């Protein structure tokens, strides 16, 4: 939550810095960084004597490039990588196990912009598809024997998002964006399931137009 507050404060400072035009027509590239989370659940059933721990969410990032056909519509391709989810379980003298969920995605989306009068602020929404690569890696020991497994799954999934952008200078644009890639299945019961993947990023782009 503290990271989200800092990101919101940073973008708010950019938005009040001055006036700008609507979304700039032409090609652009950029980079984003922020909070990400894979909506996973612990795969371990709770049994007497077992201790478990887990963590999910953290730093994520994206590289993107696109083309705005006019002030109101564009297309964008992006590569995003998400913070992993990690879970551990142990039963003294019997077993130790760890499971790591990792995910990255290549997406193509359409973007619709809504300029807010002459304020220099543009709201936008995006929608499209993402080619997701999900990996579940399991390691551990059972009664002294090593156990390991890696499950890789690729799938085409829907991707949506909303954001607010601002032209800081003639060729430089900043934006704050919230996005989701919709998963499928239940990660608690299936290693081939894909979790919902959420990300909030502060982005900086360069416009060639």
Protein backbone atom coordinates (compact mmCIF):
# COMPACT_ATOMS: atom_id res chain seq x y z
CA UNK A 1 0.00 0.00 0.00
CA UNK A 2 2.87 2.41 0.77
CA UNK A 3 4.37 1.73 -2.69
CA UNK A 4 0.98 2.46 -4.30
CA UNK A 5 0.72 5.75 -2.40
CA UNK A 6 4.17 6.82 -3.59
CA UNK A 7 3.31 5.97 -7.20
CA UNK A 8 0.02 7.90 -6.98
CA UNK A 9 1.80 10.92 -5.48
CA UNK A 10 4.43 10.87 -8.24
CA UNK A 11 1.90 10.82 -11.06
CA UNK A 12 -0.19 13.52 -9.37
CA UNK A 13 2.86 15.78 -9.32
CA UNK A 14 3.33 15.24 -13.05
CA UNK A 15 -0.30 16.01 -13.80
CA UNK A 16 -0.21 19.44 -12.16
CA UNK A 17 3.10 20.44 -13.73
CA UNK A 18 1.51 22.24 -16.70
CA UNK A 19 -0.68 21.91 -19.81
CA UNK A 20 -0.29 19.46 -22.68
CA UNK A 21 -2.06 18.12 -25.76
CA UNK A 22 -4.14 14.96 -26.15
CA UNK A 23 -2.48 11.63 -26.93
CA UNK A 24 0.24 12.33 -29.49
CA UNK A 25 -0.32 10.62 -32.87
CA UNK A 26 2.55 8.47 -34.13
CA UNK A 27 4.86 5.76 -32.81
CA UNK A 28 6.11 5.53 -29.23
CA UNK A 29 8.17 3.28 -26.94
CA UNK A 30 8.51 3.16 -23.19
CA UNK A 31 9.17 1.36 -19.93
CA UNK A 32 7.08 0.89 -16.77
CA UNK A 33 7.79 -0.27 -13.24
CA UNK A 34 5.52 -0.85 -10.24
CA UNK A 35 3.62 -3.34 -8.09
CA UNK A 36 2.56 -6.73 -9.46
CA UNK A 37 0.85 -9.78 -8.01
CA UNK A 38 -0.06 -13.26 -9.19
CA UNK A 39 -3.37 -14.29 -7.60
CA UNK A 40 -2.20 -17.70 -6.43
CA UNK A 41 -3.14 -19.80 -3.41
CA UNK A 42 -0.95 -22.08 -1.33
CA UNK A 43 -0.91 -25.59 -2.83
CA UNK A 44 -0.30 -27.19 0.57
CA UNK A 45 -3.13 -28.71 2.56
CA UNK A 46 -2.94 -27.95 6.28
CA UNK A 47 -2.30 -31.12 8.29
CA UNK A 48 -1.27 -31.62 11.94
CA UNK A 49 2.44 -31.00 12.45
CA UNK A 50 2.93 -29.13 9.16
CA UNK A 51 4.23 -25.56 9.14
CA UNK A 52 3.61 -23.40 6.09
CA UNK A 53 4.58 -19.94 4.87
CA UNK A 54 4.07 -17.95 1.71
CA UNK A 55 4.48 -14.65 -0.05
CA UNK A 56 3.16 -13.13 -3.25
CA UNK A 57 3.44 -9.77 -4.98
CA UNK A 58 6.30 -7.34 -5.45
CA UNK A 59 8.18 -5.44 -8.11
CA UNK A 60 7.07 -5.94 -11.71
CA UNK A 61 7.92 -4.24 -14.97
CA UNK A 62 7.04 -3.85 -18.62
CA UNK A 63 8.53 -2.73 -21.94
CA UNK A 64 6.10 -1.42 -24.54
CA UNK A 65 5.78 0.14 -27.95
CA UNK A 66 2.81 1.29 -29.97
CA UNK A 67 1.26 3.58 -32.51
CA UNK A 68 -1.46 6.19 -31.98
CA UNK A 69 -3.46 6.61 -35.19
CA UNK A 70 -5.02 9.83 -33.88
CA UNK A 71 -5.73 11.55 -30.55
CA UNK A 72 -8.31 8.94 -29.58
CA UNK A 73 -7.14 5.49 -30.69
CA UNK A 74 -3.92 3.45 -30.82
CA UNK A 75 -2.44 -0.05 -30.71
CA UNK A 76 0.22 -1.23 -28.26
CA UNK A 77 2.44 -4.30 -27.80
CA UNK A 78 4.12 -4.98 -24.46
CA UNK A 79 6.24 -7.52 -22.62
CA UNK A 80 5.56 -7.73 -18.87
CA UNK A 81 7.14 -9.75 -16.09
CA UNK A 82 5.53 -10.26 -12.69
CA UNK A 83 6.82 -10.84 -9.16
CA UNK A 84 6.77 -14.53 -8.26
CA UNK A 85 4.61 -16.21 -5.62
CA UNK A 86 6.48 -18.48 -3.21
CA UNK A 87 5.17 -21.07 -0.76
CA UNK A 88 6.93 -23.43 1.67
CA UNK A 89 5.83 -26.33 3.85
CA UNK A 90 7.63 -28.67 6.22
CA UNK A 91 6.99 -31.59 8.54
CA UNK A 92 10.01 -32.18 10.83
CA UNK A 93 11.77 -35.41 10.01
CA UNK A 94 9.53 -36.15 7.04
CA UNK A 95 9.39 -33.53 4.31
CA UNK A 96 10.33 -30.05 3.17
CA UNK A 97 8.86 -28.52 0.03
CA UNK A 98 8.80 -25.21 -1.82
CA UNK A 99 6.66 -24.10 -4.76
CA UNK A 100 7.38 -21.05 -6.91
CA UNK A 101 4.93 -19.53 -9.41
CA UNK A 102 6.40 -17.27 -12.12
CA UNK A 103 4.74 -15.57 -15.08
CA UNK A 104 5.52 -13.26 -17.96
CA UNK A 105 3.40 -12.19 -20.91
CA UNK A 106 3.51 -10.66 -24.39
CA UNK A 107 0.35 -8.65 -25.10
CA UNK A 108 -1.25 -6.74 -27.97
CA UNK A 109 -4.04 -4.32 -27.05
CA UNK A 110 -6.12 -1.52 -28.50
CA UNK A 111 -6.14 1.78 -26.57
CA UNK A 112 -8.94 4.33 -26.49
CA UNK A 113 -8.16 7.82 -25.16
CA UNK A 114 -10.49 10.39 -23.61
CA UNK A 115 -8.88 13.85 -23.37
CA UNK A 116 -10.23 15.90 -20.45
CA UNK A 117 -10.90 19.22 -22.15
CA UNK A 118 -7.76 21.41 -22.10
CA UNK A 119 -6.38 20.11 -18.81
CA UNK A 120 -3.59 18.11 -20.44
CA UNK A 121 -4.88 14.90 -18.85
CA UNK A 122 -5.96 11.87 -20.90
CA UNK A 123 -7.90 8.95 -19.50
CA UNK A 124 -7.58 5.71 -21.44
CA UNK A 125 -8.78 2.13 -21.50
CA UNK A 126 -7.17 -0.86 -23.18
CA UNK A 127 -8.24 -4.35 -24.18
CA UNK A 128 -6.76 -7.23 -26.11
CA UNK A 129 -4.95 -10.52 -25.64
CA UNK A 130 -1.76 -11.75 -23.99
CA UNK A 131 0.36 -14.79 -24.73
CA UNK A 132 1.15 -15.94 -21.20
CA UNK A 133 4.07 -18.15 -20.12
CA UNK A 134 3.46 -19.59 -16.66
CA UNK A 135 5.93 -21.72 -14.72
CA UNK A 136 5.43 -23.71 -11.52
CA UNK A 137 8.64 -25.04 -9.97
CA UNK A 138 8.56 -27.52 -7.08
CA UNK A 139 11.55 -28.58 -4.99
CA UNK A 140 11.90 -30.51 -1.76
CA UNK A 141 12.74 -33.67 0.10
CA UNK A 142 10.48 -36.54 1.16
CA UNK A 143 11.87 -39.04 3.69
CA UNK A 144 15.39 -38.09 2.63
CA UNK A 145 14.75 -38.32 -1.13
CA UNK A 146 15.01 -35.24 -3.35
CA UNK A 147 11.93 -34.29 -5.34
CA UNK A 148 11.75 -31.66 -8.08
CA UNK A 149 9.41 -30.78 -10.92
CA UNK A 150 8.87 -27.90 -13.35
CA UNK A 151 5.56 -27.31 -15.13
CA UNK A 152 5.54 -24.80 -18.03
CA UNK A 153 2.23 -23.66 -19.51
CA UNK A 154 1.57 -21.31 -22.42
CA UNK A 155 -1.88 -19.87 -23.06
CA UNK A 156 -3.59 -16.98 -24.85
CA UNK A 157 -5.56 -14.97 -22.28
CA UNK A 158 -7.69 -11.76 -22.24
CA UNK A 159 -5.95 -8.56 -21.10
CA UNK A 160 -7.59 -5.29 -19.98
CA UNK A 161 -6.55 -2.08 -18.26
CA UNK A 162 -7.21 1.56 -17.48
CA UNK A 163 -4.88 4.49 -17.00
CA UNK A 164 -4.20 8.20 -17.06
CA UNK A 165 -1.49 9.79 -19.21
CA UNK A 166 0.18 13.18 -19.42
CA UNK A 167 2.57 14.72 -21.96
CA UNK A 168 5.45 16.06 -19.86
CA UNK A 169 7.29 17.55 -22.83
CA UNK A 170 7.07 17.55 -26.62
CA UNK A 171 8.21 13.92 -26.95
CA UNK A 172 7.93 12.59 -23.38
CA UNK A 173 4.76 11.07 -21.90
CA UNK A 174 4.11 9.73 -18.41
CA UNK A 175 1.24 7.48 -17.35
CA UNK A 176 -0.16 5.54 -14.42
CA UNK A 177 -1.76 2.24 -15.47
CA UNK A 178 -3.68 -0.58 -13.83
CA UNK A 179 -3.87 -3.81 -15.86
CA UNK A 180 -5.07 -7.39 -15.49
CA UNK A 181 -4.46 -10.58 -17.45
CA UNK A 182 -7.23 -13.07 -16.75
CA UNK A 183 -6.08 -16.55 -15.81
CA UNK A 184 -7.84 -19.90 -15.95
CA UNK A 185 -8.22 -22.82 -13.59
CA UNK A 186 -7.38 -23.15 -9.90
CA UNK A 187 -3.69 -22.87 -9.00
CA UNK A 188 -4.38 -24.62 -5.70
CA UNK A 189 -5.33 -27.87 -7.44
CA UNK A 190 -3.61 -27.74 -10.85
CA UNK A 191 -0.01 -26.92 -11.82
CA UNK A 192 -1.19 -26.08 -15.35
CA UNK A 193 -3.65 -23.43 -14.12
CA UNK A 194 -2.81 -19.79 -14.81
CA UNK A 195 -3.42 -17.17 -12.09
CA UNK A 196 -4.94 -13.76 -12.63
CA UNK A 197 -2.01 -11.35 -13.03
CA UNK A 198 -2.40 -7.74 -11.83
CA UNK A 199 0.02 -4.84 -12.21
CA UNK A 200 0.08 -1.12 -11.42
CA UNK A 201 2.92 0.72 -13.14
CA UNK A 202 4.29 4.22 -13.47
CA UNK A 203 5.36 4.46 -17.12
CA UNK A 204 7.61 6.77 -19.08
CA UNK A 205 7.40 6.86 -22.88
CA UNK A 206 9.07 8.59 -25.81
CA UNK A 207 6.87 9.75 -28.71
CA UNK A 208 8.37 9.91 -32.21
CA UNK A 209 5.47 11.95 -33.59
